[in-house]
């Protein structure tokens, strides 16, 4: 039995795709119950399509995909990023989805699954938190039944990437993020402080792509993503579930600014006693990663994928 049963809530996205592949390559640690998608890096229709393309690539058409929210909680339209290419996956040739979307809405799937397995399910939002927030609002009784929430988002002690103060996932739906972060669920935060350290480089990709056609495709996606040495933002969440010793962090209290455009999406992180003012910490904020060990883990696990595909 895997150590963690997870729902991966995502907006694929190149780094989302690598996070999905890493989860699939780690069956002893992770049981991927289902994937829920949200508008973020690309519109909702594309995120749901991309999630199914990645699962088809990996031979895991048994894993259900549920489409969720097409826009932030309090805005009439969604956002998207051009960092991941026009299609969200670096414009790399990928198979068409070999299976359809589930008809149930992602929010209802989250609620149903948490109730069905109380205390067992870890939620892993690696995109905007709209689906998770609306699940909590629709049925607050799920909160004590969620094992933990491990997320990629925010910038605790560094600058943002979509504004001077905000990281993209939190910026897109700061209202949802505040609902989730203040819900009282045990949480682990992977913000830009740590994920910007999780870099890959050309020699690493050159070596990894030789392993199999599947990894050649994965490396092509990573090459197309962002800078010359792209960061593995979302895979950090999965890597922590596999081996938390790769990371170090600090307990803090995190809230989100959402009341003005200048500070929209800023994550306010209190770690010192004078800032906490007797308030309890609510989130473990990751600050550092052993990047060589992280890259070694990624290479080791992704190299196993071709043989794992044959076993399903």
C-alpha atoms as a PDB file:
ATOM      1  CA  UNK A   1       0.000   0.000   0.000  1.00  0.00           C
ATOM      2  CA  UNK A   2       1.307   3.453  -0.917  1.00  0.00           C
ATOM      3  CA  UNK A   3       2.226   5.883   1.863  1.00  0.00           C
ATOM      4  CA  UNK A   4       0.092   8.676   0.421  1.00  0.00           C
ATOM      5  CA  UNK A   5      -3.265   8.661  -1.332  1.00  0.00           C
ATOM      6  CA  UNK A   6      -3.453  11.907  -3.259  1.00  0.00           C
ATOM      7  CA  UNK A   7      -5.702  14.007  -5.434  1.00  0.00           C
ATOM      8  CA  UNK A   8      -3.526  16.132  -7.725  1.00  0.00           C
ATOM      9  CA  UNK A   9      -5.292  19.419  -8.460  1.00  0.00           C
ATOM     10  CA  UNK A  10      -3.463  21.002 -11.367  1.00  0.00           C
ATOM     11  CA  UNK A  11      -3.402  23.213 -14.473  1.00  0.00           C
ATOM     12  CA  UNK A  12      -1.031  21.396 -16.864  1.00  0.00           C
ATOM     13  CA  UNK A  13       1.466  23.131 -17.594  1.00  0.00           C
ATOM     14  CA  UNK A  14       4.908  21.624 -18.246  1.00  0.00           C
ATOM     15  CA  UNK A  15       5.939  21.368 -14.598  1.00  0.00           C
ATOM     16  CA  UNK A  16       2.491  19.941 -13.762  1.00  0.00           C
ATOM     17  CA  UNK A  17       3.124  17.266 -16.396  1.00  0.00           C
ATOM     18  CA  UNK A  18       6.461  16.336 -14.820  1.00  0.00           C
ATOM     19  CA  UNK A  19       4.769  16.213 -11.398  1.00  0.00           C
ATOM     20  CA  UNK A  20       2.177  13.793 -12.800  1.00  0.00           C
ATOM     21  CA  UNK A  21       4.885  11.574 -14.290  1.00  0.00           C
ATOM     22  CA  UNK A  22       6.880  11.606 -11.038  1.00  0.00           C
ATOM     23  CA  UNK A  23       3.798  10.545  -9.074  1.00  0.00           C
ATOM     24  CA  UNK A  24       3.109   7.721 -11.527  1.00  0.00           C
ATOM     25  CA  UNK A  25       6.732   6.599 -11.242  1.00  0.00           C
ATOM     26  CA  UNK A  26       6.514   6.291  -7.442  1.00  0.00           C
ATOM     27  CA  UNK A  27       3.786   3.720  -6.685  1.00  0.00           C
ATOM     28  CA  UNK A  28       5.281   2.660  -3.352  1.00  0.00           C
ATOM     29  CA  UNK A  29       4.942   6.170  -1.974  1.00  0.00           C
ATOM     30  CA  UNK A  30       2.023   7.582  -3.954  1.00  0.00           C
ATOM     31  CA  UNK A  31      -1.379   6.321  -5.015  1.00  0.00           C
ATOM     32  CA  UNK A  32      -2.792   8.840  -7.463  1.00  0.00           C
ATOM     33  CA  UNK A  33      -6.538   8.562  -6.853  1.00  0.00           C
ATOM     34  CA  UNK A  34      -7.497  11.095  -9.472  1.00  0.00           C
ATOM     35  CA  UNK A  35      -6.563  14.340 -11.167  1.00  0.00           C
ATOM     36  CA  UNK A  36      -8.677  17.473 -10.938  1.00  0.00           C
ATOM     37  CA  UNK A  37      -7.990  20.378 -13.255  1.00  0.00           C
ATOM     38  CA  UNK A  38      -8.502  24.107 -12.991  1.00  0.00           C
ATOM     39  CA  UNK A  39      -7.949  27.102 -15.246  1.00  0.00           C
ATOM     40  CA  UNK A  40      -4.491  28.548 -14.723  1.00  0.00           C
ATOM     41  CA  UNK A  41      -1.519  28.137 -17.039  1.00  0.00           C
ATOM     42  CA  UNK A  42      -4.048  27.595 -19.838  1.00  0.00           C
ATOM     43  CA  UNK A  43      -7.877  27.606 -19.926  1.00  0.00           C
ATOM     44  CA  UNK A  44      -9.840  24.818 -18.254  1.00  0.00           C
ATOM     45  CA  UNK A  45     -10.631  22.912 -21.445  1.00  0.00           C
ATOM     46  CA  UNK A  46      -6.917  22.735 -22.212  1.00  0.00           C
ATOM     47  CA  UNK A  47      -5.841  21.728 -18.691  1.00  0.00           C
ATOM     48  CA  UNK A  48      -8.321  18.837 -18.689  1.00  0.00           C
ATOM     49  CA  UNK A  49      -7.149  17.844 -22.171  1.00  0.00           C
ATOM     50  CA  UNK A  50      -3.468  18.085 -21.213  1.00  0.00           C
ATOM     51  CA  UNK A  51      -3.872  15.975 -18.076  1.00  0.00           C
ATOM     52  CA  UNK A  52      -5.371  13.200 -20.188  1.00  0.00           C
ATOM     53  CA  UNK A  53      -2.604  13.523 -22.786  1.00  0.00           C
ATOM     54  CA  UNK A  54       0.039  12.993 -20.097  1.00  0.00           C
ATOM     55  CA  UNK A  55      -1.785  10.010 -18.611  1.00  0.00           C
ATOM     56  CA  UNK A  56      -2.146   8.526 -22.093  1.00  0.00           C
ATOM     57  CA  UNK A  57       1.576   9.059 -22.709  1.00  0.00           C
ATOM     58  CA  UNK A  58       2.310   7.191 -19.473  1.00  0.00           C
ATOM     59  CA  UNK A  59      -0.113   4.362 -20.198  1.00  0.00           C
ATOM     60  CA  UNK A  60      -2.316   5.244 -17.213  1.00  0.00           C
ATOM     61  CA  UNK A  61      -5.727   5.696 -18.759  1.00  0.00           C
ATOM     62  CA  UNK A  62      -7.172   4.094 -15.622  1.00  0.00           C
ATOM     63  CA  UNK A  63      -6.702   7.288 -13.605  1.00  0.00           C
ATOM     64  CA  UNK A  64      -9.803   9.508 -13.744  1.00  0.00           C
ATOM     65  CA  UNK A  65      -9.627  13.181 -14.680  1.00  0.00           C
ATOM     66  CA  UNK A  66     -12.235  15.692 -13.481  1.00  0.00           C
ATOM     67  CA  UNK A  67     -12.611  19.206 -14.866  1.00  0.00           C
ATOM     68  CA  UNK A  68     -13.200  21.920 -12.304  1.00  0.00           C
ATOM     69  CA  UNK A  69     -13.436  25.697 -12.276  1.00  0.00           C
ATOM     70  CA  UNK A  70     -12.894  27.794 -15.386  1.00  0.00           C
ATOM     71  CA  UNK A  71     -12.262  31.084 -13.587  1.00  0.00           C
ATOM     72  CA  UNK A  72     -11.295  32.508 -10.189  1.00  0.00           C
ATOM     73  CA  UNK A  73     -13.915  32.679  -7.445  1.00  0.00           C
ATOM     74  CA  UNK A  74     -14.685  36.376  -7.791  1.00  0.00           C
ATOM     75  CA  UNK A  75     -13.798  37.206 -11.387  1.00  0.00           C
ATOM     76  CA  UNK A  76     -15.673  36.698 -14.625  1.00  0.00           C
ATOM     77  CA  UNK A  77     -12.821  35.320 -16.702  1.00  0.00           C
ATOM     78  CA  UNK A  78      -9.799  33.085 -16.275  1.00  0.00           C
ATOM     79  CA  UNK A  79      -6.099  33.788 -16.588  1.00  0.00           C
ATOM     80  CA  UNK A  80      -3.433  32.051 -18.584  1.00  0.00           C
ATOM     81  CA  UNK A  81       0.345  32.063 -18.929  1.00  0.00           C
ATOM     82  CA  UNK A  82       2.354  31.899 -22.156  1.00  0.00           C
ATOM     83  CA  UNK A  83       5.393  30.451 -20.374  1.00  0.00           C
ATOM     84  CA  UNK A  84       4.265  26.893 -21.175  1.00  0.00           C
ATOM     85  CA  UNK A  85       3.685  27.436 -24.901  1.00  0.00           C
ATOM     86  CA  UNK A  86       0.382  27.921 -26.688  1.00  0.00           C
ATOM     87  CA  UNK A  87      -0.872  24.462 -25.736  1.00  0.00           C
ATOM     88  CA  UNK A  88       0.462  24.480 -22.175  1.00  0.00           C
ATOM     89  CA  UNK A  89       2.909  21.621 -22.786  1.00  0.00           C
ATOM     90  CA  UNK A  90       5.616  23.334 -24.785  1.00  0.00           C
ATOM     91  CA  UNK A  91       4.008  22.629 -28.176  1.00  0.00           C
ATOM     92  CA  UNK A  92       5.566  19.153 -28.051  1.00  0.00           C
ATOM     93  CA  UNK A  93       4.033  16.294 -30.032  1.00  0.00           C
ATOM     94  CA  UNK A  94       1.966  14.177 -27.626  1.00  0.00           C
ATOM     95  CA  UNK A  95      -0.658  11.463 -28.079  1.00  0.00           C
ATOM     96  CA  UNK A  96      -4.310  12.385 -28.181  1.00  0.00           C
ATOM     97  CA  UNK A  97      -6.180  11.421 -24.993  1.00  0.00           C
ATOM     98  CA  UNK A  98      -7.152   7.769 -25.052  1.00  0.00           C
ATOM     99  CA  UNK A  99     -10.076   8.248 -22.675  1.00  0.00           C
ATOM    100  CA  UNK A 100     -12.725  10.784 -21.759  1.00  0.00           C
ATOM    101  CA  UNK A 101     -13.315  13.194 -18.919  1.00  0.00           C
ATOM    102  CA  UNK A 102     -15.381  12.144 -15.936  1.00  0.00           C
ATOM    103  CA  UNK A 103     -18.800  13.792 -15.865  1.00  0.00           C
ATOM    104  CA  UNK A 104     -18.634  14.694 -12.159  1.00  0.00           C
ATOM    105  CA  UNK A 105     -17.355  18.185 -11.363  1.00  0.00           C
ATOM    106  CA  UNK A 106     -13.923  18.314  -9.723  1.00  0.00           C
ATOM    107  CA  UNK A 107     -15.310  20.048  -6.630  1.00  0.00           C
ATOM    108  CA  UNK A 108     -17.843  17.278  -6.056  1.00  0.00           C
ATOM    109  CA  UNK A 109     -15.220  14.607  -6.691  1.00  0.00           C
ATOM    110  CA  UNK A 110     -12.961  16.121  -4.024  1.00  0.00           C
ATOM    111  CA  UNK A 111     -15.817  16.231  -1.514  1.00  0.00           C
ATOM    112  CA  UNK A 112     -16.923  12.667  -2.276  1.00  0.00           C
ATOM    113  CA  UNK A 113     -13.407  11.216  -2.090  1.00  0.00           C
ATOM    114  CA  UNK A 114     -12.504  12.890   1.197  1.00  0.00           C
ATOM    115  CA  UNK A 115     -15.716  11.619   2.786  1.00  0.00           C
ATOM    116  CA  UNK A 116     -15.156   8.133   1.363  1.00  0.00           C
ATOM    117  CA  UNK A 117     -11.654   7.902   2.860  1.00  0.00           C
ATOM    118  CA  UNK A 118     -11.612  10.152   5.944  1.00  0.00           C
ATOM    119  CA  UNK A 119      -8.152  11.017   7.207  1.00  0.00           C
ATOM    120  CA  UNK A 120      -6.501   9.245   4.274  1.00  0.00           C
ATOM    121  CA  UNK A 121      -6.471  11.727   1.398  1.00  0.00           C
ATOM    122  CA  UNK A 122      -3.746  14.314   0.789  1.00  0.00           C
ATOM    123  CA  UNK A 123      -4.768  17.187  -1.470  1.00  0.00           C
ATOM    124  CA  UNK A 124      -1.997  18.479  -3.729  1.00  0.00           C
ATOM    125  CA  UNK A 125      -2.981  21.733  -5.458  1.00  0.00           C
ATOM    126  CA  UNK A 126      -0.220  22.793  -7.855  1.00  0.00           C
ATOM    127  CA  UNK A 127      -2.289  25.413  -9.674  1.00  0.00           C
ATOM    128  CA  UNK A 128      -4.765  28.064  -8.514  1.00  0.00           C
ATOM    129  CA  UNK A 129      -6.729  26.833  -5.492  1.00  0.00           C
ATOM    130  CA  UNK A 130     -10.244  27.504  -6.795  1.00  0.00           C
ATOM    131  CA  UNK A 131     -11.401  23.873  -6.791  1.00  0.00           C
ATOM    132  CA  UNK A 132     -10.145  23.234  -3.253  1.00  0.00           C
ATOM    133  CA  UNK A 133     -11.644  26.455  -1.884  1.00  0.00           C
ATOM    134  CA  UNK A 134     -15.059  25.785  -3.385  1.00  0.00           C
ATOM    135  CA  UNK A 135     -15.032  22.234  -2.026  1.00  0.00           C
ATOM    136  CA  UNK A 136     -14.402  23.654   1.456  1.00  0.00           C
ATOM    137  CA  UNK A 137     -17.107  26.306   1.038  1.00  0.00           C
ATOM    138  CA  UNK A 138     -19.644  23.833  -0.349  1.00  0.00           C
ATOM    139  CA  UNK A 139     -19.016  21.229   2.365  1.00  0.00           C
ATOM    140  CA  UNK A 140     -16.976  22.488   5.342  1.00  0.00           C
ATOM    141  CA  UNK A 141     -17.328  19.077   6.996  1.00  0.00           C
ATOM    142  CA  UNK A 142     -14.515  17.782   4.764  1.00  0.00           C
ATOM    143  CA  UNK A 143     -11.910  19.958   6.519  1.00  0.00           C
ATOM    144  CA  UNK A 144     -11.177  17.674   9.512  1.00  0.00           C
ATOM    145  CA  UNK A 145     -11.228  14.647   7.185  1.00  0.00           C
ATOM    146  CA  UNK A 146      -8.413  15.897   4.926  1.00  0.00           C
ATOM    147  CA  UNK A 147      -5.119  14.283   5.937  1.00  0.00           C
ATOM    148  CA  UNK A 148      -2.995  17.197   4.757  1.00  0.00           C
ATOM    149  CA  UNK A 149      -2.612  19.698   1.961  1.00  0.00           C
ATOM    150  CA  UNK A 150       0.725  20.060   0.158  1.00  0.00           C
ATOM    151  CA  UNK A 151       0.753  22.890  -2.362  1.00  0.00           C
ATOM    152  CA  UNK A 152       2.895  24.846  -4.785  1.00  0.00           C
ATOM    153  CA  UNK A 153       2.251  28.537  -4.498  1.00  0.00           C
ATOM    154  CA  UNK A 154       3.305  31.798  -2.942  1.00  0.00           C
ATOM    155  CA  UNK A 155       6.521  33.632  -2.227  1.00  0.00           C
ATOM    156  CA  UNK A 156       7.341  33.760   1.459  1.00  0.00           C
ATOM    157  CA  UNK A 157      10.614  35.684   1.654  1.00  0.00           C
ATOM    158  CA  UNK A 158      11.413  36.440  -1.999  1.00  0.00           C
ATOM    159  CA  UNK A 159       9.940  38.410  -4.877  1.00  0.00           C
ATOM    160  CA  UNK A 160       7.082  37.087  -6.961  1.00  0.00           C
ATOM    161  CA  UNK A 161       7.116  35.956 -10.576  1.00  0.00           C
ATOM    162  CA  UNK A 162       3.931  37.570 -11.866  1.00  0.00           C
ATOM    163  CA  UNK A 163       4.288  40.791  -9.857  1.00  0.00           C
ATOM    164  CA  UNK A 164       6.978  42.038  -7.483  1.00  0.00           C
ATOM    165  CA  UNK A 165       5.119  40.448  -4.559  1.00  0.00           C
ATOM    166  CA  UNK A 166       3.047  37.569  -5.944  1.00  0.00           C
ATOM    167  CA  UNK A 167       3.531  34.083  -7.374  1.00  0.00           C
ATOM    168  CA  UNK A 168       1.275  33.054 -10.276  1.00  0.00           C
ATOM    169  CA  UNK A 169      -0.897  30.357  -8.640  1.00  0.00           C
ATOM    170  CA  UNK A 170      -1.837  32.559  -5.687  1.00  0.00           C
ATOM    171  CA  UNK A 171      -2.172  35.683  -7.830  1.00  0.00           C
ATOM    172  CA  UNK A 172      -4.715  34.068 -10.160  1.00  0.00           C
ATOM    173  CA  UNK A 173      -7.183  33.388  -7.330  1.00  0.00           C
ATOM    174  CA  UNK A 174      -6.076  35.022  -4.072  1.00  0.00           C
ATOM    175  CA  UNK A 175      -9.569  34.695  -2.590  1.00  0.00           C
ATOM    176  CA  UNK A 176      -9.482  30.929  -3.002  1.00  0.00           C
ATOM    177  CA  UNK A 177      -5.976  30.760  -1.565  1.00  0.00           C
ATOM    178  CA  UNK A 178      -7.048  32.650   1.560  1.00  0.00           C
ATOM    179  CA  UNK A 179      -9.995  30.283   2.067  1.00  0.00           C
ATOM    180  CA  UNK A 180      -7.701  27.267   1.837  1.00  0.00           C
ATOM    181  CA  UNK A 181      -4.787  28.613   3.865  1.00  0.00           C
ATOM    182  CA  UNK A 182      -7.067  29.677   6.715  1.00  0.00           C
ATOM    183  CA  UNK A 183      -9.140  26.474   6.792  1.00  0.00           C
ATOM    184  CA  UNK A 184      -7.197  24.732   9.556  1.00  0.00           C
ATOM    185  CA  UNK A 185      -5.904  21.845   7.426  1.00  0.00           C
ATOM    186  CA  UNK A 186      -2.304  20.694   8.085  1.00  0.00           C
ATOM    187  CA  UNK A 187      -0.389  22.260   5.197  1.00  0.00           C
ATOM    188  CA  UNK A 188       3.035  22.336   3.566  1.00  0.00           C
ATOM    189  CA  UNK A 189       3.885  25.252   1.271  1.00  0.00           C
ATOM    190  CA  UNK A 190       6.276  25.102  -1.657  1.00  0.00           C
ATOM    191  CA  UNK A 191       6.682  28.710  -2.709  1.00  0.00           C
ATOM    192  CA  UNK A 192       9.197  30.364  -4.993  1.00  0.00           C
ATOM    193  CA  UNK A 193      11.699  30.518  -2.124  1.00  0.00           C
ATOM    194  CA  UNK A 194      12.373  26.816  -2.600  1.00  0.00           C
ATOM    195  CA  UNK A 195      11.140  26.032  -6.115  1.00  0.00           C
ATOM    196  CA  UNK A 196      13.438  28.597  -7.756  1.00  0.00           C
ATOM    197  CA  UNK A 197      16.315  26.544  -6.343  1.00  0.00           C
ATOM    198  CA  UNK A 198      15.020  23.387  -8.052  1.00  0.00           C
ATOM    199  CA  UNK A 199      16.713  23.967 -11.401  1.00  0.00           C
ATOM    200  CA  UNK A 200      17.510  21.599 -14.228  1.00  0.00           C
ATOM    201  CA  UNK A 201      20.149  22.153 -16.914  1.00  0.00           C
ATOM    202  CA  UNK A 202      21.002  21.060 -20.444  1.00  0.00           C
ATOM    203  CA  UNK A 203      23.511  18.293 -19.553  1.00  0.00           C
ATOM    204  CA  UNK A 204      20.964  16.746 -17.179  1.00  0.00           C
ATOM    205  CA  UNK A 205      18.259  16.748 -19.843  1.00  0.00           C
ATOM    206  CA  UNK A 206      20.674  15.384 -22.447  1.00  0.00           C
ATOM    207  CA  UNK A 207      21.441  12.392 -20.244  1.00  0.00           C
ATOM    208  CA  UNK A 208      17.849  11.794 -19.154  1.00  0.00           C
ATOM    209  CA  UNK A 209      16.394  11.839 -22.653  1.00  0.00           C
ATOM    210  CA  UNK A 210      18.522   8.835 -23.654  1.00  0.00           C
ATOM    211  CA  UNK A 211      16.599   6.512 -21.316  1.00  0.00           C
ATOM    212  CA  UNK A 212      13.412   6.047 -23.347  1.00  0.00           C
ATOM    213  CA  UNK A 213      11.135   7.703 -25.920  1.00  0.00           C
ATOM    214  CA  UNK A 214       8.813   8.712 -23.074  1.00  0.00           C
ATOM    215  CA  UNK A 215      11.607  10.585 -21.309  1.00  0.00           C
ATOM    216  CA  UNK A 216      12.722  12.118 -24.585  1.00  0.00           C
ATOM    217  CA  UNK A 217       9.251  13.652 -24.778  1.00  0.00           C
ATOM    218  CA  UNK A 218       9.377  14.770 -21.134  1.00  0.00           C
ATOM    219  CA  UNK A 219      12.763  16.410 -21.696  1.00  0.00           C
ATOM    220  CA  UNK A 220      11.475  18.177 -24.804  1.00  0.00           C
ATOM    221  CA  UNK A 221       8.691  19.672 -22.695  1.00  0.00           C
ATOM    222  CA  UNK A 222      11.149  20.817 -20.030  1.00  0.00           C
ATOM    223  CA  UNK A 223      13.448  22.398 -22.637  1.00  0.00           C
ATOM    224  CA  UNK A 224      10.580  24.493 -23.945  1.00  0.00           C
ATOM    225  CA  UNK A 225       9.647  25.779 -20.507  1.00  0.00           C
ATOM    226  CA  UNK A 226      10.733  29.186 -19.272  1.00  0.00           C
ATOM    227  CA  UNK A 227      14.434  29.977 -18.988  1.00  0.00           C
ATOM    228  CA  UNK A 228      17.465  28.024 -20.195  1.00  0.00           C
ATOM    229  CA  UNK A 229      17.652  26.363 -16.764  1.00  0.00           C
ATOM    230  CA  UNK A 230      13.951  25.857 -15.950  1.00  0.00           C
ATOM    231  CA  UNK A 231      12.678  25.301 -12.436  1.00  0.00           C
ATOM    232  CA  UNK A 232      10.799  22.227 -11.235  1.00  0.00           C
ATOM    233  CA  UNK A 233       8.139  24.147  -9.325  1.00  0.00           C
ATOM    234  CA  UNK A 234       5.314  21.600  -9.158  1.00  0.00           C
ATOM    235  CA  UNK A 235       7.408  18.402  -8.941  1.00  0.00           C
ATOM    236  CA  UNK A 236       8.717  19.637  -5.571  1.00  0.00           C
ATOM    237  CA  UNK A 237       5.330  18.781  -4.053  1.00  0.00           C
ATOM    238  CA  UNK A 238       5.543  15.179  -5.251  1.00  0.00           C
ATOM    239  CA  UNK A 239       9.229  14.890  -4.352  1.00  0.00           C
ATOM    240  CA  UNK A 240       8.456  15.923  -0.765  1.00  0.00           C
ATOM    241  CA  UNK A 241       5.852  13.179  -0.475  1.00  0.00           C
ATOM    242  CA  UNK A 242       8.461  10.698  -1.697  1.00  0.00           C
ATOM    243  CA  UNK A 243      11.341  11.974   0.450  1.00  0.00           C
ATOM    244  CA  UNK A 244      10.714  14.940   2.761  1.00  0.00           C
ATOM    245  CA  UNK A 245      14.377  14.912   3.809  1.00  0.00           C
ATOM    246  CA  UNK A 246      15.232  16.624   0.530  1.00  0.00           C
ATOM    247  CA  UNK A 247      13.719  19.828   1.895  1.00  0.00           C
ATOM    248  CA  UNK A 248      13.988  22.085   4.922  1.00  0.00           C
ATOM    249  CA  UNK A 249      11.523  24.664   6.113  1.00  0.00           C
ATOM    250  CA  UNK A 250      10.106  26.708   8.938  1.00  0.00           C
ATOM    251  CA  UNK A 251       6.742  26.796  10.679  1.00  0.00           C
ATOM    252  CA  UNK A 252       4.839  29.973   9.923  1.00  0.00           C
ATOM    253  CA  UNK A 253       1.459  31.618   9.726  1.00  0.00           C
ATOM    254  CA  UNK A 254       0.465  32.473   6.173  1.00  0.00           C
ATOM    255  CA  UNK A 255      -2.265  34.752   4.885  1.00  0.00           C
ATOM    256  CA  UNK A 256      -2.998  36.173   1.441  1.00  0.00           C
ATOM    257  CA  UNK A 257      -3.549  39.749   0.330  1.00  0.00           C
ATOM    258  CA  UNK A 258      -6.527  40.175  -2.007  1.00  0.00           C
ATOM    259  CA  UNK A 259      -7.957  43.637  -1.360  1.00  0.00           C
ATOM    260  CA  UNK A 260      -5.961  45.762  -3.808  1.00  0.00           C
ATOM    261  CA  UNK A 261      -4.255  45.274  -7.161  1.00  0.00           C
ATOM    262  CA  UNK A 262      -0.774  46.265  -6.009  1.00  0.00           C
ATOM    263  CA  UNK A 263      -0.580  43.564  -3.339  1.00  0.00           C
ATOM    264  CA  UNK A 264      -2.882  41.043  -5.003  1.00  0.00           C
ATOM    265  CA  UNK A 265      -1.752  37.489  -4.283  1.00  0.00           C
ATOM    266  CA  UNK A 266       1.019  38.412  -1.862  1.00  0.00           C
ATOM    267  CA  UNK A 267       1.608  35.699   0.726  1.00  0.00           C
ATOM    268  CA  UNK A 268       2.258  37.259   4.116  1.00  0.00           C
ATOM    269  CA  UNK A 269       4.341  34.861   6.187  1.00  0.00           C
ATOM    270  CA  UNK A 270       4.927  35.386   9.903  1.00  0.00           C
ATOM    271  CA  UNK A 271       7.590  33.221  11.530  1.00  0.00           C
ATOM    272  CA  UNK A 272       8.900  35.381  14.366  1.00  0.00           C
ATOM    273  CA  UNK A 273       7.106  35.481  17.694  1.00  0.00           C
ATOM    274  CA  UNK A 274       6.673  39.247  17.605  1.00  0.00           C
ATOM    275  CA  UNK A 275       4.927  38.942  14.243  1.00  0.00           C
ATOM    276  CA  UNK A 276       2.819  35.966  15.259  1.00  0.00           C
ATOM    277  CA  UNK A 277       1.524  37.828  18.330  1.00  0.00           C
ATOM    278  CA  UNK A 278       0.513  34.581  20.054  1.00  0.00           C
ATOM    279  CA  UNK A 279      -1.241  33.241  16.940  1.00  0.00           C
ATOM    280  CA  UNK A 280      -0.503  29.616  16.145  1.00  0.00           C
ATOM    281  CA  UNK A 281       1.519  28.712  13.082  1.00  0.00           C
ATOM    282  CA  UNK A 282      -0.633  27.067  10.411  1.00  0.00           C
ATOM    283  CA  UNK A 283       1.725  26.026   7.607  1.00  0.00           C
ATOM    284  CA  UNK A 284       5.158  24.447   7.201  1.00  0.00           C
ATOM    285  CA  UNK A 285       6.897  26.783   4.749  1.00  0.00           C
ATOM    286  CA  UNK A 286       9.640  25.114   2.722  1.00  0.00           C
ATOM    287  CA  UNK A 287      12.698  27.304   2.199  1.00  0.00           C
ATOM    288  CA  UNK A 288      15.523  25.104   0.869  1.00  0.00           C
ATOM    289  CA  UNK A 289      16.091  22.001  -1.249  1.00  0.00           C
ATOM    290  CA  UNK A 290      19.038  19.689  -1.856  1.00  0.00           C
ATOM    291  CA  UNK A 291      18.847  20.196  -5.610  1.00  0.00           C
ATOM    292  CA  UNK A 292      21.415  17.558  -6.677  1.00  0.00           C
ATOM    293  CA  UNK A 293      19.517  14.978  -4.613  1.00  0.00           C
ATOM    294  CA  UNK A 294      16.206  16.176  -6.080  1.00  0.00           C
ATOM    295  CA  UNK A 295      17.516  15.800  -9.631  1.00  0.00           C
ATOM    296  CA  UNK A 296      18.877  12.355  -8.799  1.00  0.00           C
ATOM    297  CA  UNK A 297      15.458  11.324  -7.479  1.00  0.00           C
ATOM    298  CA  UNK A 298      13.727  12.646 -10.587  1.00  0.00           C
ATOM    299  CA  UNK A 299      16.109  10.791 -12.910  1.00  0.00           C
ATOM    300  CA  UNK A 300      15.850   7.562 -10.909  1.00  0.00           C
ATOM    301  CA  UNK A 301      12.053   7.563 -10.798  1.00  0.00           C
ATOM    302  CA  UNK A 302      11.371   8.728 -14.340  1.00  0.00           C
ATOM    303  CA  UNK A 303      13.792   6.089 -15.613  1.00  0.00           C
ATOM    304  CA  UNK A 304      11.483   3.469 -14.089  1.00  0.00           C
ATOM    305  CA  UNK A 305       8.410   4.656 -15.972  1.00  0.00           C
ATOM    306  CA  UNK A 306       8.799   2.562 -19.139  1.00  0.00           C
ATOM    307  CA  UNK A 307       8.990  -0.684 -17.145  1.00  0.00           C
ATOM    308  CA  UNK A 308       6.117   0.403 -14.896  1.00  0.00           C
ATOM    309  CA  UNK A 309       3.950   1.048 -17.948  1.00  0.00           C
ATOM    310  CA  UNK A 310       4.480  -2.539 -19.071  1.00  0.00           C
ATOM    311  CA  UNK A 311       3.310  -3.816 -15.671  1.00  0.00           C
ATOM    312  CA  UNK A 312      -0.128  -2.159 -15.852  1.00  0.00           C
END
